[in-house]
Amino acid sequence: MLASTSPARRKLLSEAGIEFLTIAPGVDEEALVAELNPQSATELTGLLAKAKAEAVVAEFPNSLVLGCDSALEFAGEILGKPLKPELAIERWKSMRGQSGWLHSGHHLIDTATLKAVTLVTQTKVHFASLSDGQIQRYVATGEPLNVAGAFTIDGIGGAFIERIEGDYHTVVGLSLVGLRSMVTDLGHDYQDLWR
């Protein structure tokens, strides 16, 4: 069970041959962040991933429930979804030609045993030096508005990522290597998740 509405995460799991269902976790992320006040991108993404998984766990007995969350750490700030074009443009103007760390939090619960494991993975992302016009055209596609850090690596924005240092799937929002490790930690065989 994937407690996420992210199209990128759904596509990633499908392409990895994993059989799963999705459900919107219905977590008020802003309220939770205000209440818990996480001090780092690692803490933030781990807390939100856990909250998303726990929000739906009761509905799925005898299942593995996965919650995920991502954020970009750039210049000492934690950047989530910009939501507004003006903010996405502002972020890209500061990020162009620079690099930041994309953090993806994962929380996996075995609802049969109630055992759980949390893992946060990080990958360094190097951004291309885009002109103001290129930034405006990219933001006008709408793609960067609803994704952590105002970019995707697996869509239109992939052309603007010069290189990464680390796990590609972390940048997409769900580390398959991390998922395999977590499934193993809970006593299951990752390959049993294949269709």
Foldseek 3Di string as FASTA:
>chain_A
DEQDPDPLVVVVCVVVQFDDDYDDLPDPLVVVCVVVVDDDQQRSFQVQFVSSQVSCLVVDAQDKYKGKAKWKQDPNDTFWAQQDLVSLLVLCQVQAQHKIKMKMKMKIARRHVRDIDIDIDIKIWGFHHDDSVVSSVLVVVVVQRHGHSRAACPDPRVVGTPDMGDANVVRSRDGPVVVQVRCVVVPHHPCVRGD
